[in-house]
């Protein structure tokens, strides 16, 4: 049998002590995680995501239907006699049937994000309370991670709406009155955008009127990421490609909709599309049946 000197025994004892400390700490963390899951259940009840008696997020049912979705292409007009060139914006449309859905009443708030991503419970009176602050500084990958975690926590299936689902809801679905913005032709009634926001510390959540379906802030406040990639060959993207829409738009990334508090009035129109995410891009959830 091999004999160890005192230094070797000291090294062995140190390793054993370290291993025991690691096991004890790991066991404590497992217990804390288990306790958290039992003590802080996240449930979906009556189209609401709830923690105990606190509503963290609410969904609005939207009946499906057919809608014409517009896209813009730019054509060059030439006068052969005078050699004058001019550009003209041409609006075309593609008709699509949208199924019934459950879509978020507002974009995702910091309250829900922090609960899912950081295991924190918002304190009463904090800045994280429902419909106080929207999440607006995350990447596409972070949003997909958030949705995956939310699905695991609730056992439900959440997703981002497609670009056309988003627009259908923003325009009021079957109740649509064909407004320019989501809920009105007067942007100041329904949107917080650069024309009426004087500071980045603006109030959000039911500060403006909803649209025909009771959905808030689909124009202005924060851009909203959709699940539709720019490169996807669905009907409207294919039509845009066929119409020769520039490659600066049809590149990688997902479509964002609705404009933000730093957008122009045109960018807040329900037909407007933006490629990718910015520091002002949030998201509105879809709850699948």
C-alpha atoms as a PDB file:
ATOM      1  CA  UNK A   1       0.000   0.000   0.000  1.00  0.00           C
ATOM      2  CA  UNK A   2       1.326   3.367  -1.048  1.00  0.00           C
ATOM      3  CA  UNK A   3       2.241   5.751   1.724  1.00  0.00           C
ATOM      4  CA  UNK A   4       1.547   9.475   1.425  1.00  0.00           C
ATOM      5  CA  UNK A   5       3.551  12.217   3.062  1.00  0.00           C
ATOM      6  CA  UNK A   6       1.870  14.999   4.968  1.00  0.00           C
ATOM      7  CA  UNK A   7       1.795  17.311   1.961  1.00  0.00           C
ATOM      8  CA  UNK A   8       0.060  14.739  -0.190  1.00  0.00           C
ATOM      9  CA  UNK A   9      -2.473  14.060   2.568  1.00  0.00           C
ATOM     10  CA  UNK A  10      -3.090  17.794   2.858  1.00  0.00           C
ATOM     11  CA  UNK A  11      -3.759  18.043  -0.889  1.00  0.00           C
ATOM     12  CA  UNK A  12      -6.152  15.063  -0.798  1.00  0.00           C
ATOM     13  CA  UNK A  13      -8.053  16.512   2.147  1.00  0.00           C
ATOM     14  CA  UNK A  14      -8.354  19.855   0.372  1.00  0.00           C
ATOM     15  CA  UNK A  15      -9.851  18.206  -2.706  1.00  0.00           C
ATOM     16  CA  UNK A  16     -12.328  16.228  -0.583  1.00  0.00           C
ATOM     17  CA  UNK A  17     -13.394  19.336   1.346  1.00  0.00           C
ATOM     18  CA  UNK A  18     -13.848  21.301  -1.894  1.00  0.00           C
ATOM     19  CA  UNK A  19     -15.940  18.489  -3.408  1.00  0.00           C
ATOM     20  CA  UNK A  20     -18.152  18.286  -0.317  1.00  0.00           C
ATOM     21  CA  UNK A  21     -18.693  22.065  -0.315  1.00  0.00           C
ATOM     22  CA  UNK A  22     -19.628  21.963  -3.999  1.00  0.00           C
ATOM     23  CA  UNK A  23     -22.137  19.135  -3.451  1.00  0.00           C
ATOM     24  CA  UNK A  24     -23.734  20.893  -0.470  1.00  0.00           C
ATOM     25  CA  UNK A  25     -24.027  24.192  -2.345  1.00  0.00           C
ATOM     26  CA  UNK A  26     -25.401  22.497  -5.481  1.00  0.00           C
ATOM     27  CA  UNK A  27     -28.024  20.686  -3.374  1.00  0.00           C
ATOM     28  CA  UNK A  28     -29.085  23.989  -1.794  1.00  0.00           C
ATOM     29  CA  UNK A  29     -29.469  25.589  -5.223  1.00  0.00           C
ATOM     30  CA  UNK A  30     -31.607  22.684  -6.436  1.00  0.00           C
ATOM     31  CA  UNK A  31     -33.831  23.046  -3.390  1.00  0.00           C
ATOM     32  CA  UNK A  32     -34.106  26.809  -3.942  1.00  0.00           C
ATOM     33  CA  UNK A  33     -35.036  26.238  -7.579  1.00  0.00           C
ATOM     34  CA  UNK A  34     -37.658  23.674  -6.608  1.00  0.00           C
ATOM     35  CA  UNK A  35     -39.030  25.970  -3.923  1.00  0.00           C
ATOM     36  CA  UNK A  36     -39.214  28.842  -6.400  1.00  0.00           C
ATOM     37  CA  UNK A  37     -41.219  26.787  -8.899  1.00  0.00           C
ATOM     38  CA  UNK A  38     -43.649  25.730  -6.173  1.00  0.00           C
ATOM     39  CA  UNK A  39     -43.906  29.123  -4.508  1.00  0.00           C
ATOM     40  CA  UNK A  40     -44.143  31.260  -7.657  1.00  0.00           C
ATOM     41  CA  UNK A  41     -46.448  29.516 -10.134  1.00  0.00           C
ATOM     42  CA  UNK A  42     -47.090  31.301 -13.431  1.00  0.00           C
ATOM     43  CA  UNK A  43     -50.517  30.393 -14.829  1.00  0.00           C
ATOM     44  CA  UNK A  44     -52.618  31.230 -17.871  1.00  0.00           C
ATOM     45  CA  UNK A  45     -56.230  31.761 -16.766  1.00  0.00           C
ATOM     46  CA  UNK A  46     -59.016  33.449 -18.759  1.00  0.00           C
ATOM     47  CA  UNK A  47     -56.583  34.688 -21.426  1.00  0.00           C
ATOM     48  CA  UNK A  48     -54.319  36.242 -18.787  1.00  0.00           C
ATOM     49  CA  UNK A  49     -50.826  35.364 -17.572  1.00  0.00           C
ATOM     50  CA  UNK A  50     -51.054  35.547 -13.787  1.00  0.00           C
ATOM     51  CA  UNK A  51     -48.845  35.296 -10.759  1.00  0.00           C
ATOM     52  CA  UNK A  52     -51.191  34.644  -7.821  1.00  0.00           C
ATOM     53  CA  UNK A  53     -53.784  37.442  -8.100  1.00  0.00           C
ATOM     54  CA  UNK A  54     -51.560  39.764 -10.160  1.00  0.00           C
ATOM     55  CA  UNK A  55     -52.113  39.999 -13.919  1.00  0.00           C
ATOM     56  CA  UNK A  56     -48.772  40.142 -15.719  1.00  0.00           C
ATOM     57  CA  UNK A  57     -50.104  40.109 -19.274  1.00  0.00           C
ATOM     58  CA  UNK A  58     -53.477  40.009 -21.022  1.00  0.00           C
ATOM     59  CA  UNK A  59     -54.602  38.619 -24.385  1.00  0.00           C
ATOM     60  CA  UNK A  60     -57.455  39.800 -26.610  1.00  0.00           C
ATOM     61  CA  UNK A  61     -59.363  37.303 -28.809  1.00  0.00           C
ATOM     62  CA  UNK A  62     -59.426  38.311 -32.481  1.00  0.00           C
ATOM     63  CA  UNK A  63     -61.794  36.671 -34.984  1.00  0.00           C
ATOM     64  CA  UNK A  64     -60.126  35.648 -38.216  1.00  0.00           C
ATOM     65  CA  UNK A  65     -60.955  36.878 -41.706  1.00  0.00           C
ATOM     66  CA  UNK A  66     -59.609  37.932 -45.089  1.00  0.00           C
ATOM     67  CA  UNK A  67     -57.704  41.189 -45.535  1.00  0.00           C
ATOM     68  CA  UNK A  68     -55.787  42.966 -48.297  1.00  0.00           C
ATOM     69  CA  UNK A  69     -52.210  43.696 -47.244  1.00  0.00           C
ATOM     70  CA  UNK A  70     -50.511  46.575 -49.022  1.00  0.00           C
ATOM     71  CA  UNK A  71     -46.893  46.959 -49.985  1.00  0.00           C
ATOM     72  CA  UNK A  72     -45.036  49.827 -51.603  1.00  0.00           C
ATOM     73  CA  UNK A  73     -42.789  49.721 -54.649  1.00  0.00           C
ATOM     74  CA  UNK A  74     -40.991  52.590 -56.336  1.00  0.00           C
ATOM     75  CA  UNK A  75     -41.119  52.972 -60.099  1.00  0.00           C
ATOM     76  CA  UNK A  76     -39.082  55.252 -62.310  1.00  0.00           C
ATOM     77  CA  UNK A  77     -40.997  57.272 -64.892  1.00  0.00           C
ATOM     78  CA  UNK A  78     -39.186  58.646 -67.917  1.00  0.00           C
ATOM     79  CA  UNK A  79     -40.189  61.289 -70.364  1.00  0.00           C
ATOM     80  CA  UNK A  80     -38.510  60.195 -73.592  1.00  0.00           C
ATOM     81  CA  UNK A  81     -38.900  63.573 -75.252  1.00  0.00           C
ATOM     82  CA  UNK A  82     -37.458  65.697 -72.459  1.00  0.00           C
ATOM     83  CA  UNK A  83     -35.267  62.968 -70.873  1.00  0.00           C
ATOM     84  CA  UNK A  84     -36.778  63.710 -67.461  1.00  0.00           C
ATOM     85  CA  UNK A  85     -36.818  60.987 -64.823  1.00  0.00           C
ATOM     86  CA  UNK A  86     -39.092  60.865 -61.798  1.00  0.00           C
ATOM     87  CA  UNK A  87     -39.836  58.282 -59.097  1.00  0.00           C
ATOM     88  CA  UNK A  88     -43.363  57.338 -58.106  1.00  0.00           C
ATOM     89  CA  UNK A  89     -44.463  55.289 -55.083  1.00  0.00           C
ATOM     90  CA  UNK A  90     -46.956  52.611 -56.104  1.00  0.00           C
ATOM     91  CA  UNK A  91     -49.085  50.761 -53.561  1.00  0.00           C
ATOM     92  CA  UNK A  92     -50.248  47.232 -54.354  1.00  0.00           C
ATOM     93  CA  UNK A  93     -52.046  44.594 -52.300  1.00  0.00           C
ATOM     94  CA  UNK A  94     -52.142  40.864 -51.636  1.00  0.00           C
ATOM     95  CA  UNK A  95     -55.219  39.233 -50.088  1.00  0.00           C
ATOM     96  CA  UNK A  96     -54.694  36.693 -47.305  1.00  0.00           C
ATOM     97  CA  UNK A  97     -56.936  34.750 -44.924  1.00  0.00           C
ATOM     98  CA  UNK A  98     -55.906  35.236 -41.282  1.00  0.00           C
ATOM     99  CA  UNK A  99     -57.044  32.648 -38.697  1.00  0.00           C
ATOM    100  CA  UNK A 100     -58.552  33.580 -35.338  1.00  0.00           C
ATOM    101  CA  UNK A 101     -55.959  34.318 -32.669  1.00  0.00           C
ATOM    102  CA  UNK A 102     -55.229  35.520 -29.151  1.00  0.00           C
ATOM    103  CA  UNK A 103     -52.866  38.508 -29.259  1.00  0.00           C
ATOM    104  CA  UNK A 104     -51.392  40.644 -26.482  1.00  0.00           C
ATOM    105  CA  UNK A 105     -53.370  43.692 -25.371  1.00  0.00           C
ATOM    106  CA  UNK A 106     -50.028  45.554 -25.154  1.00  0.00           C
ATOM    107  CA  UNK A 107     -46.376  44.863 -25.924  1.00  0.00           C
ATOM    108  CA  UNK A 108     -44.520  42.823 -23.281  1.00  0.00           C
ATOM    109  CA  UNK A 109     -43.812  44.757 -20.085  1.00  0.00           C
ATOM    110  CA  UNK A 110     -40.661  44.721 -17.967  1.00  0.00           C
ATOM    111  CA  UNK A 111     -42.688  43.079 -15.203  1.00  0.00           C
ATOM    112  CA  UNK A 112     -43.284  39.881 -17.175  1.00  0.00           C
ATOM    113  CA  UNK A 113     -39.781  39.889 -18.655  1.00  0.00           C
ATOM    114  CA  UNK A 114     -38.082  40.130 -15.241  1.00  0.00           C
ATOM    115  CA  UNK A 115     -40.309  37.391 -13.807  1.00  0.00           C
ATOM    116  CA  UNK A 116     -39.442  34.970 -16.632  1.00  0.00           C
ATOM    117  CA  UNK A 117     -35.785  35.837 -17.176  1.00  0.00           C
ATOM    118  CA  UNK A 118     -34.545  36.789 -13.697  1.00  0.00           C
ATOM    119  CA  UNK A 119     -36.885  34.939 -11.303  1.00  0.00           C
ATOM    120  CA  UNK A 120     -37.853  38.206  -9.632  1.00  0.00           C
ATOM    121  CA  UNK A 121     -41.239  39.215  -8.325  1.00  0.00           C
ATOM    122  CA  UNK A 122     -42.191  42.862  -8.818  1.00  0.00           C
ATOM    123  CA  UNK A 123     -42.809  44.724  -5.591  1.00  0.00           C
ATOM    124  CA  UNK A 124     -45.934  46.838  -5.210  1.00  0.00           C
ATOM    125  CA  UNK A 125     -45.245  50.379  -6.347  1.00  0.00           C
ATOM    126  CA  UNK A 126     -42.124  49.420  -8.292  1.00  0.00           C
ATOM    127  CA  UNK A 127     -41.413  50.428 -11.883  1.00  0.00           C
ATOM    128  CA  UNK A 128     -42.094  46.852 -12.964  1.00  0.00           C
ATOM    129  CA  UNK A 129     -45.842  46.804 -12.376  1.00  0.00           C
ATOM    130  CA  UNK A 130     -48.184  45.679 -15.139  1.00  0.00           C
ATOM    131  CA  UNK A 131     -48.360  48.107 -18.078  1.00  0.00           C
ATOM    132  CA  UNK A 132     -45.760  50.497 -16.709  1.00  0.00           C
ATOM    133  CA  UNK A 133     -42.650  49.958 -18.832  1.00  0.00           C
ATOM    134  CA  UNK A 134     -42.296  48.082 -22.117  1.00  0.00           C
ATOM    135  CA  UNK A 135     -39.248  45.943 -22.919  1.00  0.00           C
ATOM    136  CA  UNK A 136     -37.432  47.586 -25.824  1.00  0.00           C
ATOM    137  CA  UNK A 137     -33.721  46.763 -25.832  1.00  0.00           C
ATOM    138  CA  UNK A 138     -33.477  43.030 -26.592  1.00  0.00           C
ATOM    139  CA  UNK A 139     -32.216  41.118 -29.612  1.00  0.00           C
ATOM    140  CA  UNK A 140     -34.254  38.678 -31.674  1.00  0.00           C
ATOM    141  CA  UNK A 141     -32.388  35.807 -29.996  1.00  0.00           C
ATOM    142  CA  UNK A 142     -33.218  37.144 -26.528  1.00  0.00           C
ATOM    143  CA  UNK A 143     -36.901  37.372 -27.450  1.00  0.00           C
ATOM    144  CA  UNK A 144     -36.912  33.779 -28.673  1.00  0.00           C
ATOM    145  CA  UNK A 145     -35.202  32.683 -25.437  1.00  0.00           C
ATOM    146  CA  UNK A 146     -37.798  34.586 -23.393  1.00  0.00           C
ATOM    147  CA  UNK A 147     -40.666  32.908 -25.258  1.00  0.00           C
ATOM    148  CA  UNK A 148     -39.103  29.459 -24.854  1.00  0.00           C
ATOM    149  CA  UNK A 149     -38.761  29.968 -21.086  1.00  0.00           C
ATOM    150  CA  UNK A 150     -42.313  31.300 -20.831  1.00  0.00           C
ATOM    151  CA  UNK A 151     -43.600  28.225 -22.671  1.00  0.00           C
ATOM    152  CA  UNK A 152     -41.755  25.952 -20.236  1.00  0.00           C
ATOM    153  CA  UNK A 153     -42.990  27.846 -17.171  1.00  0.00           C
ATOM    154  CA  UNK A 154     -46.655  27.799 -18.179  1.00  0.00           C
ATOM    155  CA  UNK A 155     -47.026  24.691 -20.340  1.00  0.00           C
ATOM    156  CA  UNK A 156     -48.684  26.895 -22.982  1.00  0.00           C
ATOM    157  CA  UNK A 157     -47.502  27.774 -26.477  1.00  0.00           C
ATOM    158  CA  UNK A 158     -46.596  31.420 -27.030  1.00  0.00           C
ATOM    159  CA  UNK A 159     -45.038  32.946 -30.128  1.00  0.00           C
ATOM    160  CA  UNK A 160     -44.516  36.191 -31.983  1.00  0.00           C
ATOM    161  CA  UNK A 161     -47.291  37.063 -34.451  1.00  0.00           C
ATOM    162  CA  UNK A 162     -46.455  36.952 -38.136  1.00  0.00           C
ATOM    163  CA  UNK A 163     -46.206  40.301 -39.893  1.00  0.00           C
ATOM    164  CA  UNK A 164     -49.645  39.836 -41.461  1.00  0.00           C
ATOM    165  CA  UNK A 165     -51.237  38.653 -38.205  1.00  0.00           C
ATOM    166  CA  UNK A 166     -49.844  41.768 -36.549  1.00  0.00           C
ATOM    167  CA  UNK A 167     -51.186  44.055 -39.268  1.00  0.00           C
ATOM    168  CA  UNK A 168     -54.586  42.351 -39.286  1.00  0.00           C
ATOM    169  CA  UNK A 169     -54.914  43.005 -35.542  1.00  0.00           C
ATOM    170  CA  UNK A 170     -53.502  46.540 -35.800  1.00  0.00           C
ATOM    171  CA  UNK A 171     -56.055  47.456 -38.466  1.00  0.00           C
ATOM    172  CA  UNK A 172     -58.932  46.135 -36.372  1.00  0.00           C
ATOM    173  CA  UNK A 173     -59.593  42.742 -37.984  1.00  0.00           C
ATOM    174  CA  UNK A 174     -63.253  42.259 -38.885  1.00  0.00           C
ATOM    175  CA  UNK A 175     -64.063  45.516 -37.048  1.00  0.00           C
ATOM    176  CA  UNK A 176     -61.623  47.538 -39.133  1.00  0.00           C
ATOM    177  CA  UNK A 177     -62.566  51.133 -40.012  1.00  0.00           C
ATOM    178  CA  UNK A 178     -59.554  51.422 -42.331  1.00  0.00           C
ATOM    179  CA  UNK A 179     -57.712  53.966 -40.224  1.00  0.00           C
ATOM    180  CA  UNK A 180     -54.211  55.089 -41.204  1.00  0.00           C
ATOM    181  CA  UNK A 181     -52.919  54.371 -37.702  1.00  0.00           C
ATOM    182  CA  UNK A 182     -54.022  51.632 -35.334  1.00  0.00           C
ATOM    183  CA  UNK A 183     -57.346  52.975 -34.065  1.00  0.00           C
ATOM    184  CA  UNK A 184     -57.543  56.444 -35.622  1.00  0.00           C
ATOM    185  CA  UNK A 185     -56.628  58.749 -38.485  1.00  0.00           C
ATOM    186  CA  UNK A 186     -55.375  61.196 -35.836  1.00  0.00           C
ATOM    187  CA  UNK A 187     -51.998  59.896 -34.702  1.00  0.00           C
ATOM    188  CA  UNK A 188     -52.109  61.902 -31.462  1.00  0.00           C
ATOM    189  CA  UNK A 189     -55.146  59.924 -30.292  1.00  0.00           C
ATOM    190  CA  UNK A 190     -53.480  56.504 -30.464  1.00  0.00           C
ATOM    191  CA  UNK A 191     -49.691  56.822 -30.686  1.00  0.00           C
ATOM    192  CA  UNK A 192     -46.716  58.096 -28.753  1.00  0.00           C
ATOM    193  CA  UNK A 193     -44.245  59.099 -31.464  1.00  0.00           C
ATOM    194  CA  UNK A 194     -41.571  61.723 -31.986  1.00  0.00           C
ATOM    195  CA  UNK A 195     -44.174  64.361 -32.814  1.00  0.00           C
ATOM    196  CA  UNK A 196     -45.711  64.318 -29.324  1.00  0.00           C
ATOM    197  CA  UNK A 197     -43.101  62.761 -27.024  1.00  0.00           C
ATOM    198  CA  UNK A 198     -40.744  65.293 -25.462  1.00  0.00           C
ATOM    199  CA  UNK A 199     -38.645  62.885 -23.386  1.00  0.00           C
ATOM    200  CA  UNK A 200     -37.581  59.244 -23.452  1.00  0.00           C
ATOM    201  CA  UNK A 201     -39.097  58.945 -19.969  1.00  0.00           C
ATOM    202  CA  UNK A 202     -42.579  58.737 -21.469  1.00  0.00           C
ATOM    203  CA  UNK A 203     -45.562  56.987 -19.907  1.00  0.00           C
ATOM    204  CA  UNK A 204     -46.729  53.789 -21.593  1.00  0.00           C
ATOM    205  CA  UNK A 205     -49.706  51.473 -21.322  1.00  0.00           C
ATOM    206  CA  UNK A 206     -53.221  52.829 -21.867  1.00  0.00           C
ATOM    207  CA  UNK A 207     -52.027  56.428 -22.124  1.00  0.00           C
ATOM    208  CA  UNK A 208     -53.527  56.521 -25.619  1.00  0.00           C
ATOM    209  CA  UNK A 209     -56.808  55.173 -27.017  1.00  0.00           C
ATOM    210  CA  UNK A 210     -57.008  51.524 -28.161  1.00  0.00           C
ATOM    211  CA  UNK A 211     -57.931  50.394 -31.668  1.00  0.00           C
ATOM    212  CA  UNK A 212     -61.208  48.784 -32.732  1.00  0.00           C
ATOM    213  CA  UNK A 213     -60.270  45.503 -30.988  1.00  0.00           C
ATOM    214  CA  UNK A 214     -59.140  47.037 -27.682  1.00  0.00           C
ATOM    215  CA  UNK A 215     -55.417  46.723 -28.488  1.00  0.00           C
ATOM    216  CA  UNK A 216     -53.101  49.456 -27.220  1.00  0.00           C
ATOM    217  CA  UNK A 217     -49.969  51.076 -28.670  1.00  0.00           C
ATOM    218  CA  UNK A 218     -49.848  49.229 -31.995  1.00  0.00           C
ATOM    219  CA  UNK A 219     -48.804  52.575 -33.466  1.00  0.00           C
ATOM    220  CA  UNK A 220     -45.873  54.247 -31.714  1.00  0.00           C
ATOM    221  CA  UNK A 221     -44.394  53.550 -28.239  1.00  0.00           C
ATOM    222  CA  UNK A 222     -42.122  50.629 -29.221  1.00  0.00           C
ATOM    223  CA  UNK A 223     -41.526  48.820 -32.490  1.00  0.00           C
ATOM    224  CA  UNK A 224     -42.854  45.263 -32.383  1.00  0.00           C
ATOM    225  CA  UNK A 225     -40.864  42.292 -33.625  1.00  0.00           C
ATOM    226  CA  UNK A 226     -42.751  39.697 -35.696  1.00  0.00           C
ATOM    227  CA  UNK A 227     -41.916  36.094 -36.542  1.00  0.00           C
ATOM    228  CA  UNK A 228     -41.763  36.800 -40.298  1.00  0.00           C
ATOM    229  CA  UNK A 229     -38.233  36.809 -41.738  1.00  0.00           C
ATOM    230  CA  UNK A 230     -37.560  39.294 -44.515  1.00  0.00           C
ATOM    231  CA  UNK A 231     -36.338  36.388 -46.667  1.00  0.00           C
ATOM    232  CA  UNK A 232     -39.528  34.362 -46.170  1.00  0.00           C
ATOM    233  CA  UNK A 233     -41.369  33.783 -49.454  1.00  0.00           C
ATOM    234  CA  UNK A 234     -44.917  34.224 -48.185  1.00  0.00           C
ATOM    235  CA  UNK A 235     -47.431  35.944 -50.447  1.00  0.00           C
ATOM    236  CA  UNK A 236     -46.636  39.546 -49.599  1.00  0.00           C
ATOM    237  CA  UNK A 237     -42.839  39.116 -49.496  1.00  0.00           C
ATOM    238  CA  UNK A 238     -42.955  37.325 -52.867  1.00  0.00           C
ATOM    239  CA  UNK A 239     -45.075  40.136 -54.291  1.00  0.00           C
ATOM    240  CA  UNK A 240     -42.589  42.713 -53.017  1.00  0.00           C
ATOM    241  CA  UNK A 241     -39.719  40.821 -54.623  1.00  0.00           C
ATOM    242  CA  UNK A 242     -41.632  40.518 -57.901  1.00  0.00           C
ATOM    243  CA  UNK A 243     -42.281  44.263 -57.770  1.00  0.00           C
ATOM    244  CA  UNK A 244     -38.555  44.934 -57.477  1.00  0.00           C
ATOM    245  CA  UNK A 245     -38.453  46.255 -53.921  1.00  0.00           C
ATOM    246  CA  UNK A 246     -34.832  47.083 -53.121  1.00  0.00           C
ATOM    247  CA  UNK A 247     -32.422  44.545 -51.646  1.00  0.00           C
ATOM    248  CA  UNK A 248     -31.743  46.949 -48.768  1.00  0.00           C
ATOM    249  CA  UNK A 249     -35.161  45.926 -47.460  1.00  0.00           C
ATOM    250  CA  UNK A 250     -35.246  42.277 -48.506  1.00  0.00           C
ATOM    251  CA  UNK A 251     -32.219  41.042 -46.566  1.00  0.00           C
ATOM    252  CA  UNK A 252     -31.707  39.028 -43.397  1.00  0.00           C
ATOM    253  CA  UNK A 253     -33.689  39.686 -40.230  1.00  0.00           C
ATOM    254  CA  UNK A 254     -37.303  39.727 -39.109  1.00  0.00           C
ATOM    255  CA  UNK A 255     -39.900  42.377 -39.875  1.00  0.00           C
ATOM    256  CA  UNK A 256     -40.757  44.870 -37.113  1.00  0.00           C
ATOM    257  CA  UNK A 257     -44.006  46.832 -37.163  1.00  0.00           C
ATOM    258  CA  UNK A 258     -45.813  49.835 -35.686  1.00  0.00           C
ATOM    259  CA  UNK A 259     -43.155  52.503 -35.220  1.00  0.00           C
ATOM    260  CA  UNK A 260     -41.808  53.762 -31.895  1.00  0.00           C
ATOM    261  CA  UNK A 261     -41.681  56.891 -29.737  1.00  0.00           C
ATOM    262  CA  UNK A 262     -38.832  58.099 -31.985  1.00  0.00           C
ATOM    263  CA  UNK A 263     -40.581  57.303 -35.283  1.00  0.00           C
ATOM    264  CA  UNK A 264     -42.143  59.668 -37.791  1.00  0.00           C
ATOM    265  CA  UNK A 265     -45.891  59.637 -38.383  1.00  0.00           C
ATOM    266  CA  UNK A 266     -45.412  57.627 -41.594  1.00  0.00           C
ATOM    267  CA  UNK A 267     -43.420  54.969 -39.731  1.00  0.00           C
ATOM    268  CA  UNK A 268     -46.325  54.543 -37.291  1.00  0.00           C
ATOM    269  CA  UNK A 269     -48.810  53.678 -40.044  1.00  0.00           C
ATOM    270  CA  UNK A 270     -50.140  50.113 -39.882  1.00  0.00           C
ATOM    271  CA  UNK A 271     -48.764  49.318 -43.371  1.00  0.00           C
ATOM    272  CA  UNK A 272     -45.181  50.363 -42.536  1.00  0.00           C
ATOM    273  CA  UNK A 273     -42.512  47.659 -42.251  1.00  0.00           C
ATOM    274  CA  UNK A 274     -39.008  47.831 -40.824  1.00  0.00           C
ATOM    275  CA  UNK A 275     -36.271  45.252 -41.221  1.00  0.00           C
ATOM    276  CA  UNK A 276     -34.713  43.878 -38.027  1.00  0.00           C
ATOM    277  CA  UNK A 277     -34.567  45.286 -34.494  1.00  0.00           C
ATOM    278  CA  UNK A 278     -33.388  48.531 -32.953  1.00  0.00           C
ATOM    279  CA  UNK A 279     -32.932  49.689 -29.361  1.00  0.00           C
ATOM    280  CA  UNK A 280     -36.608  50.669 -29.529  1.00  0.00           C
ATOM    281  CA  UNK A 281     -37.952  47.259 -30.611  1.00  0.00           C
ATOM    282  CA  UNK A 282     -40.252  45.360 -28.254  1.00  0.00           C
ATOM    283  CA  UNK A 283     -42.687  42.519 -28.961  1.00  0.00           C
ATOM    284  CA  UNK A 284     -46.341  41.595 -28.592  1.00  0.00           C
ATOM    285  CA  UNK A 285     -47.117  37.963 -27.777  1.00  0.00           C
ATOM    286  CA  UNK A 286     -49.414  35.531 -29.515  1.00  0.00           C
ATOM    287  CA  UNK A 287     -51.046  32.743 -27.472  1.00  0.00           C
ATOM    288  CA  UNK A 288     -51.765  29.720 -29.621  1.00  0.00           C
ATOM    289  CA  UNK A 289     -55.006  27.818 -29.150  1.00  0.00           C
END
